[in-house]
Amino acid sequence: MTKKRILVINPNSTQAVTDGIDEALEPLRLAGGPAIDCTTLAAGPPAIETDIHIEQVVAPLCRLIESEQAEADAFVIACYSDPGLGVARARSTRPVFGMAESGMLLALTRGRRFGVISILTAAVERHLRYVVELGLEKRLAADLPVGLGVLELADEKRVFTRLEEVGTRLRDEHAADVVLLGCAGMARYRERLERALEVPVIDPTQAAVIVATGTVQLA
């Protein structure tokens, strides 16, 4: 039997973000399970932080997915804005999973109200529109930014301090009993933040790969 394969795509062009995603997915690489490969969209901007960035990556992202369909059994878009998800699904013969959608759906199984830690204030409005589109606004506690861009997330001491501050506010001021990391670049901090907050913390890319794994294994 040919080993099945999930391709996780980082739509920005920063390899360090892809490397962090790849490391976070290591616990999901199980004997007998599908191969989980990560790739960087070379045509993407260094960071995806605006609606213009999102529009820029849709076409090259879909082209990459179309070119890989013979080699992959499922795809994961590893950006919290789920850029091009609907278009990719329409064009692909393979299942395509968005990390934000998957993360929010997993959050519903772990708590009553989920809080989201975003990167910048500008991202919050976009995320809230998506929550409404998915019909999940009654389960959202709040979406709060750390005030740092994607490329600033490598500064571990500074970033973790901000993640802990915002996560604490979500838990204590907004009654979030599960916290969702609103950027793929935050993946490396999940376990440490969960220990600090003492509530479930979800890395949405892991969530999407979990769903993708079950899907391809049962196909």
C-alpha atoms as a PDB file:
ATOM      1  CA  MET A   1       0.000   0.000   0.000  1.00  0.00           C
ATOM      2  CA  THR A   2       1.346   3.429  -0.938  1.00  0.00           C
ATOM      3  CA  LYS A   3       1.940   5.645   2.073  1.00  0.00           C
ATOM      4  CA  LYS A   4      -0.507   8.530   2.158  1.00  0.00           C
ATOM      5  CA  ARG A   5       0.717  12.107   2.294  1.00  0.00           C
ATOM      6  CA  ILE A   6      -0.541  15.389   3.728  1.00  0.00           C
ATOM      7  CA  LEU A   7       1.029  18.556   2.358  1.00  0.00           C
ATOM      8  CA  VAL A   8       1.028  21.516   4.747  1.00  0.00           C
ATOM      9  CA  ILE A   9       1.529  24.821   2.940  1.00  0.00           C
ATOM     10  CA  ASN A  10       2.846  27.958   4.595  1.00  0.00           C
ATOM     11  CA  PRO A  11       1.485  30.694   2.286  1.00  0.00           C
ATOM     12  CA  ASN A  12       4.115  33.226   3.306  1.00  0.00           C
ATOM     13  CA  SER A  13       7.666  33.002   1.994  1.00  0.00           C
ATOM     14  CA  THR A  14       9.470  32.939   5.348  1.00  0.00           C
ATOM     15  CA  GLN A  15      11.174  29.579   5.758  1.00  0.00           C
ATOM     16  CA  ALA A  16      11.605  30.053   9.517  1.00  0.00           C
ATOM     17  CA  VAL A  17       7.803  30.031   9.903  1.00  0.00           C
ATOM     18  CA  THR A  18       7.612  26.784   7.921  1.00  0.00           C
ATOM     19  CA  ASP A  19      10.346  25.276  10.076  1.00  0.00           C
ATOM     20  CA  GLY A  20       8.377  26.131  13.222  1.00  0.00           C
ATOM     21  CA  ILE A  21       5.236  24.553  11.779  1.00  0.00           C
ATOM     22  CA  ASP A  22       7.187  21.450  10.815  1.00  0.00           C
ATOM     23  CA  GLU A  23       8.579  21.096  14.332  1.00  0.00           C
ATOM     24  CA  ALA A  24       5.131  21.515  15.899  1.00  0.00           C
ATOM     25  CA  LEU A  25       3.754  18.726  13.709  1.00  0.00           C
ATOM     26  CA  GLU A  26       6.395  16.185  14.715  1.00  0.00           C
ATOM     27  CA  PRO A  27       4.203  14.538  17.420  1.00  0.00           C
ATOM     28  CA  LEU A  28       1.585  13.825  14.735  1.00  0.00           C
ATOM     29  CA  ARG A  29       3.980  11.814  12.568  1.00  0.00           C
ATOM     30  CA  LEU A  30       2.994   8.350  13.702  1.00  0.00           C
ATOM     31  CA  ALA A  31       4.054   4.889  12.549  1.00  0.00           C
ATOM     32  CA  GLY A  32       1.539   3.719   9.983  1.00  0.00           C
ATOM     33  CA  GLY A  33       0.122   7.220   9.562  1.00  0.00           C
ATOM     34  CA  PRO A  34       0.421   9.505   6.571  1.00  0.00           C
ATOM     35  CA  ALA A  35       3.570  11.406   5.741  1.00  0.00           C
ATOM     36  CA  ILE A  36       3.241  15.038   6.828  1.00  0.00           C
ATOM     37  CA  ASP A  37       5.328  17.338   4.666  1.00  0.00           C
ATOM     38  CA  CYS A  38       5.621  21.103   4.988  1.00  0.00           C
ATOM     39  CA  THR A  39       6.414  23.509   2.193  1.00  0.00           C
ATOM     40  CA  THR A  40       6.820  27.258   1.777  1.00  0.00           C
ATOM     41  CA  LEU A  41       4.970  29.237  -0.892  1.00  0.00           C
ATOM     42  CA  ALA A  42       7.926  31.005  -2.499  1.00  0.00           C
ATOM     43  CA  ALA A  43       5.614  33.425  -4.307  1.00  0.00           C
ATOM     44  CA  GLY A  44       3.998  34.607  -1.075  1.00  0.00           C
ATOM     45  CA  PRO A  45       4.906  37.775   0.853  1.00  0.00           C
ATOM     46  CA  PRO A  46       7.283  37.424   3.830  1.00  0.00           C
ATOM     47  CA  ALA A  47       4.263  37.763   6.150  1.00  0.00           C
ATOM     48  CA  ILE A  48       0.498  37.648   5.631  1.00  0.00           C
ATOM     49  CA  GLU A  49      -0.953  40.468   7.708  1.00  0.00           C
ATOM     50  CA  THR A  50      -3.413  42.361   5.495  1.00  0.00           C
ATOM     51  CA  ASP A  51      -6.312  41.700   3.138  1.00  0.00           C
ATOM     52  CA  ILE A  52      -4.018  42.637   0.250  1.00  0.00           C
ATOM     53  CA  HIS A  53      -1.515  39.971   1.319  1.00  0.00           C
ATOM     54  CA  ILE A  54      -4.327  37.436   1.379  1.00  0.00           C
ATOM     55  CA  GLU A  55      -5.452  38.341  -2.130  1.00  0.00           C
ATOM     56  CA  GLN A  56      -1.859  38.081  -3.369  1.00  0.00           C
ATOM     57  CA  VAL A  57      -1.416  34.473  -2.285  1.00  0.00           C
ATOM     58  CA  VAL A  58      -4.679  32.953  -3.488  1.00  0.00           C
ATOM     59  CA  ALA A  59      -3.650  32.369  -7.113  1.00  0.00           C
ATOM     60  CA  PRO A  60      -0.138  30.957  -6.467  1.00  0.00           C
ATOM     61  CA  LEU A  61      -1.446  28.895  -3.559  1.00  0.00           C
ATOM     62  CA  CYS A  62      -4.134  27.308  -5.742  1.00  0.00           C
ATOM     63  CA  ARG A  63      -1.607  26.648  -8.499  1.00  0.00           C
ATOM     64  CA  LEU A  64       0.644  24.865  -6.016  1.00  0.00           C
ATOM     65  CA  ILE A  65      -2.225  22.720  -4.766  1.00  0.00           C
ATOM     66  CA  GLU A  66      -3.250  21.819  -8.324  1.00  0.00           C
ATOM     67  CA  SER A  67       0.328  20.876  -9.207  1.00  0.00           C
ATOM     68  CA  GLU A  68       0.642  18.596  -6.149  1.00  0.00           C
ATOM     69  CA  GLN A  69      -2.640  16.707  -6.431  1.00  0.00           C
ATOM     70  CA  ALA A  70      -1.016  13.582  -7.855  1.00  0.00           C
ATOM     71  CA  GLU A  71       1.462  13.509  -4.963  1.00  0.00           C
ATOM     72  CA  ALA A  72      -0.721  14.443  -1.965  1.00  0.00           C
ATOM     73  CA  ASP A  73      -3.882  12.995  -0.451  1.00  0.00           C
ATOM     74  CA  ALA A  74      -4.845  16.154   1.455  1.00  0.00           C
ATOM     75  CA  PHE A  75      -3.698  19.740   1.871  1.00  0.00           C
ATOM     76  CA  VAL A  76      -3.530  22.087   4.858  1.00  0.00           C
ATOM     77  CA  ILE A  77      -3.348  25.864   4.415  1.00  0.00           C
ATOM     78  CA  ALA A  78      -1.225  27.026   7.354  1.00  0.00           C
ATOM     79  CA  CYS A  79      -2.346  30.634   7.708  1.00  0.00           C
ATOM     80  CA  TYR A  80      -4.998  31.729  10.202  1.00  0.00           C
ATOM     81  CA  SER A  81      -6.856  33.756   7.565  1.00  0.00           C
ATOM     82  CA  ASP A  82      -7.431  30.539   5.552  1.00  0.00           C
ATOM     83  CA  PRO A  83      -6.526  32.366   2.314  1.00  0.00           C
ATOM     84  CA  GLY A  84      -8.076  30.889  -0.806  1.00  0.00           C
ATOM     85  CA  LEU A  85      -9.702  28.021   1.072  1.00  0.00           C
ATOM     86  CA  GLY A  86     -12.971  28.079  -0.863  1.00  0.00           C
ATOM     87  CA  VAL A  87     -11.257  28.487  -4.229  1.00  0.00           C
ATOM     88  CA  ALA A  88      -8.758  25.726  -3.450  1.00  0.00           C
ATOM     89  CA  ARG A  89     -11.533  23.340  -2.474  1.00  0.00           C
ATOM     90  CA  ALA A  90     -13.384  24.097  -5.698  1.00  0.00           C
ATOM     91  CA  ARG A  91     -10.290  23.405  -7.804  1.00  0.00           C
ATOM     92  CA  SER A  92      -8.840  20.446  -5.936  1.00  0.00           C
ATOM     93  CA  THR A  93      -9.813  16.801  -6.237  1.00  0.00           C
ATOM     94  CA  ARG A  94      -8.267  16.290  -2.793  1.00  0.00           C
ATOM     95  CA  PRO A  95      -9.596  17.586   0.537  1.00  0.00           C
ATOM     96  CA  VAL A  96      -8.231  20.965   1.612  1.00  0.00           C
ATOM     97  CA  PHE A  97      -8.269  22.103   5.250  1.00  0.00           C
ATOM     98  CA  GLY A  98      -7.850  25.613   6.619  1.00  0.00           C
ATOM     99  CA  MET A  99      -6.101  25.965   9.952  1.00  0.00           C
ATOM    100  CA  ALA A 100      -8.474  28.609  11.332  1.00  0.00           C
ATOM    101  CA  GLU A 101     -11.634  26.698  10.484  1.00  0.00           C
ATOM    102  CA  SER A 102     -10.162  23.451  11.840  1.00  0.00           C
ATOM    103  CA  GLY A 103      -8.823  25.149  14.961  1.00  0.00           C
ATOM    104  CA  MET A 104     -12.139  26.766  15.821  1.00  0.00           C
ATOM    105  CA  LEU A 105     -14.034  23.518  15.305  1.00  0.00           C
ATOM    106  CA  LEU A 106     -11.597  21.646  17.543  1.00  0.00           C
ATOM    107  CA  ALA A 107     -11.878  24.420  20.140  1.00  0.00           C
ATOM    108  CA  LEU A 108     -15.609  23.745  20.364  1.00  0.00           C
ATOM    109  CA  THR A 109     -14.822  20.238  21.617  1.00  0.00           C
ATOM    110  CA  ARG A 110     -12.429  21.474  24.318  1.00  0.00           C
ATOM    111  CA  GLY A 111     -14.389  24.254  25.975  1.00  0.00           C
ATOM    112  CA  ARG A 112     -17.546  26.343  26.155  1.00  0.00           C
ATOM    113  CA  ARG A 113     -16.067  29.625  24.850  1.00  0.00           C
ATOM    114  CA  PHE A 114     -12.833  30.015  22.918  1.00  0.00           C
ATOM    115  CA  GLY A 115     -10.551  33.024  22.850  1.00  0.00           C
ATOM    116  CA  VAL A 116      -8.207  33.867  19.983  1.00  0.00           C
ATOM    117  CA  ILE A 117      -4.750  35.418  20.281  1.00  0.00           C
ATOM    118  CA  SER A 118      -4.115  37.419  17.105  1.00  0.00           C
ATOM    119  CA  ILE A 119      -0.979  39.109  15.869  1.00  0.00           C
ATOM    120  CA  LEU A 120      -2.026  42.682  15.034  1.00  0.00           C
ATOM    121  CA  THR A 121      -5.142  44.743  15.737  1.00  0.00           C
ATOM    122  CA  ALA A 122      -5.879  44.850  12.000  1.00  0.00           C
ATOM    123  CA  ALA A 123      -6.239  41.060  11.951  1.00  0.00           C
ATOM    124  CA  VAL A 124      -8.988  41.014  14.566  1.00  0.00           C
ATOM    125  CA  GLU A 125     -11.714  42.465  12.342  1.00  0.00           C
ATOM    126  CA  ARG A 126     -10.882  39.958   9.606  1.00  0.00           C
ATOM    127  CA  HIS A 127     -11.030  37.095  12.088  1.00  0.00           C
ATOM    128  CA  LEU A 128     -14.358  38.291  13.482  1.00  0.00           C
ATOM    129  CA  ARG A 129     -15.864  38.345   9.994  1.00  0.00           C
ATOM    130  CA  TYR A 130     -14.770  34.751   9.530  1.00  0.00           C
ATOM    131  CA  VAL A 131     -16.222  33.688  12.886  1.00  0.00           C
ATOM    132  CA  VAL A 132     -19.583  35.151  11.826  1.00  0.00           C
ATOM    133  CA  GLU A 133     -19.327  33.442   8.431  1.00  0.00           C
ATOM    134  CA  LEU A 134     -18.869  30.114  10.200  1.00  0.00           C
ATOM    135  CA  GLY A 135     -21.765  30.838  12.565  1.00  0.00           C
ATOM    136  CA  LEU A 136     -19.579  30.571  15.680  1.00  0.00           C
ATOM    137  CA  GLU A 137     -19.912  34.072  17.133  1.00  0.00           C
ATOM    138  CA  LYS A 138     -21.887  32.850  20.176  1.00  0.00           C
ATOM    139  CA  ARG A 139     -18.978  30.611  21.162  1.00  0.00           C
ATOM    140  CA  LEU A 140     -16.271  33.262  20.766  1.00  0.00           C
ATOM    141  CA  ALA A 141     -15.163  34.837  24.042  1.00  0.00           C
ATOM    142  CA  ALA A 142     -12.898  37.463  22.410  1.00  0.00           C
ATOM    143  CA  ASP A 143     -10.149  37.949  19.873  1.00  0.00           C
ATOM    144  CA  LEU A 144      -7.239  40.016  21.214  1.00  0.00           C
ATOM    145  CA  PRO A 145      -3.937  40.996  19.535  1.00  0.00           C
ATOM    146  CA  VAL A 146      -0.421  40.715  20.906  1.00  0.00           C
ATOM    147  CA  GLY A 147       0.603  43.700  18.790  1.00  0.00           C
ATOM    148  CA  LEU A 148       3.429  41.884  17.015  1.00  0.00           C
ATOM    149  CA  GLY A 149       3.855  41.069  13.337  1.00  0.00           C
ATOM    150  CA  VAL A 150       4.532  37.588  11.968  1.00  0.00           C
ATOM    151  CA  LEU A 151       8.266  38.219  11.575  1.00  0.00           C
ATOM    152  CA  GLU A 152       8.534  39.383  15.194  1.00  0.00           C
ATOM    153  CA  LEU A 153       7.312  36.048  16.543  1.00  0.00           C
ATOM    154  CA  ALA A 154      10.842  34.613  16.629  1.00  0.00           C
ATOM    155  CA  ASP A 155      11.750  36.821  19.620  1.00  0.00           C
ATOM    156  CA  GLU A 156      10.881  34.124  22.145  1.00  0.00           C
ATOM    157  CA  LYS A 157      11.138  36.020  25.438  1.00  0.00           C
ATOM    158  CA  ARG A 158       9.207  39.055  24.209  1.00  0.00           C
ATOM    159  CA  VAL A 159       6.598  36.979  22.377  1.00  0.00           C
ATOM    160  CA  PHE A 160       5.882  34.588  25.212  1.00  0.00           C
ATOM    161  CA  THR A 161       5.431  37.463  27.639  1.00  0.00           C
ATOM    162  CA  ARG A 162       2.825  38.999  25.331  1.00  0.00           C
ATOM    163  CA  LEU A 163       1.122  35.642  24.681  1.00  0.00           C
ATOM    164  CA  GLU A 164       0.830  34.997  28.399  1.00  0.00           C
ATOM    165  CA  GLU A 165      -0.535  38.495  29.056  1.00  0.00           C
ATOM    166  CA  VAL A 166      -3.167  38.257  26.321  1.00  0.00           C
ATOM    167  CA  GLY A 167      -4.036  34.649  27.142  1.00  0.00           C
ATOM    168  CA  THR A 168      -4.551  35.610  30.792  1.00  0.00           C
ATOM    169  CA  ARG A 169      -6.891  38.423  29.754  1.00  0.00           C
ATOM    170  CA  LEU A 170      -8.883  36.040  27.563  1.00  0.00           C
ATOM    171  CA  ARG A 171      -9.214  33.604  30.454  1.00  0.00           C
ATOM    172  CA  ASP A 172      -9.846  36.010  33.322  1.00  0.00           C
ATOM    173  CA  GLU A 173     -11.635  38.964  31.713  1.00  0.00           C
ATOM    174  CA  HIS A 174     -13.510  37.246  28.876  1.00  0.00           C
ATOM    175  CA  ALA A 175     -14.179  33.798  30.390  1.00  0.00           C
ATOM    176  CA  ALA A 176     -12.409  31.867  27.641  1.00  0.00           C
ATOM    177  CA  ASP A 177     -11.872  28.288  28.754  1.00  0.00           C
ATOM    178  CA  VAL A 178      -9.869  27.348  25.652  1.00  0.00           C
ATOM    179  CA  VAL A 179      -7.363  29.528  23.779  1.00  0.00           C
ATOM    180  CA  LEU A 180      -6.617  29.421  20.059  1.00  0.00           C
ATOM    181  CA  LEU A 181      -3.315  30.633  18.611  1.00  0.00           C
ATOM    182  CA  GLY A 182      -4.212  33.004  15.768  1.00  0.00           C
ATOM    183  CA  CYS A 183      -1.037  32.657  13.707  1.00  0.00           C
ATOM    184  CA  ALA A 184       0.961  29.664  12.449  1.00  0.00           C
ATOM    185  CA  GLY A 185       4.113  31.397  13.674  1.00  0.00           C
ATOM    186  CA  MET A 186       2.953  30.943  17.283  1.00  0.00           C
ATOM    187  CA  ALA A 187       3.083  27.134  17.076  1.00  0.00           C
ATOM    188  CA  ARG A 188       6.310  26.757  19.056  1.00  0.00           C
ATOM    189  CA  TYR A 189       4.714  28.362  22.131  1.00  0.00           C
ATOM    190  CA  ARG A 190       1.626  26.152  22.482  1.00  0.00           C
ATOM    191  CA  GLU A 191       2.767  23.698  25.164  1.00  0.00           C
ATOM    192  CA  ARG A 192       4.464  26.321  27.320  1.00  0.00           C
ATOM    193  CA  LEU A 193       1.459  28.637  27.122  1.00  0.00           C
ATOM    194  CA  GLU A 194      -0.937  25.836  28.006  1.00  0.00           C
ATOM    195  CA  ARG A 195       1.075  25.118  31.138  1.00  0.00           C
ATOM    196  CA  ALA A 196       1.081  28.798  32.085  1.00  0.00           C
ATOM    197  CA  LEU A 197      -2.641  29.393  31.498  1.00  0.00           C
ATOM    198  CA  GLU A 198      -3.874  26.001  32.751  1.00  0.00           C
ATOM    199  CA  VAL A 199      -6.535  25.876  30.021  1.00  0.00           C
ATOM    200  CA  PRO A 200      -6.348  24.040  26.669  1.00  0.00           C
ATOM    201  CA  VAL A 201      -4.314  25.929  24.061  1.00  0.00           C
ATOM    202  CA  ILE A 202      -4.835  24.889  20.456  1.00  0.00           C
ATOM    203  CA  ASP A 203      -2.388  25.254  17.598  1.00  0.00           C
ATOM    204  CA  PRO A 204      -4.736  25.411  14.587  1.00  0.00           C
ATOM    205  CA  THR A 205      -2.217  23.874  12.190  1.00  0.00           C
ATOM    206  CA  GLN A 206      -2.027  20.821  14.425  1.00  0.00           C
ATOM    207  CA  ALA A 207      -5.825  20.787  14.495  1.00  0.00           C
ATOM    208  CA  ALA A 208      -6.033  20.854  10.699  1.00  0.00           C
ATOM    209  CA  VAL A 209      -3.486  18.055  10.345  1.00  0.00           C
ATOM    210  CA  ILE A 210      -5.366  15.951  12.911  1.00  0.00           C
ATOM    211  CA  VAL A 211      -8.546  16.258  10.839  1.00  0.00           C
ATOM    212  CA  ALA A 212      -6.650  15.665   7.588  1.00  0.00           C
ATOM    213  CA  THR A 213      -5.007  12.548   9.023  1.00  0.00           C
ATOM    214  CA  GLY A 214      -8.345  11.035   9.979  1.00  0.00           C
ATOM    215  CA  THR A 215      -9.780  11.908   6.593  1.00  0.00           C
ATOM    216  CA  VAL A 216      -7.052  10.294   4.506  1.00  0.00           C
ATOM    217  CA  GLN A 217      -6.782   7.243   6.765  1.00  0.00           C
ATOM    218  CA  LEU A 218     -10.483   6.518   6.357  1.00  0.00           C
ATOM    219  CA  ALA A 219     -10.608   7.241   2.619  1.00  0.00           C
END
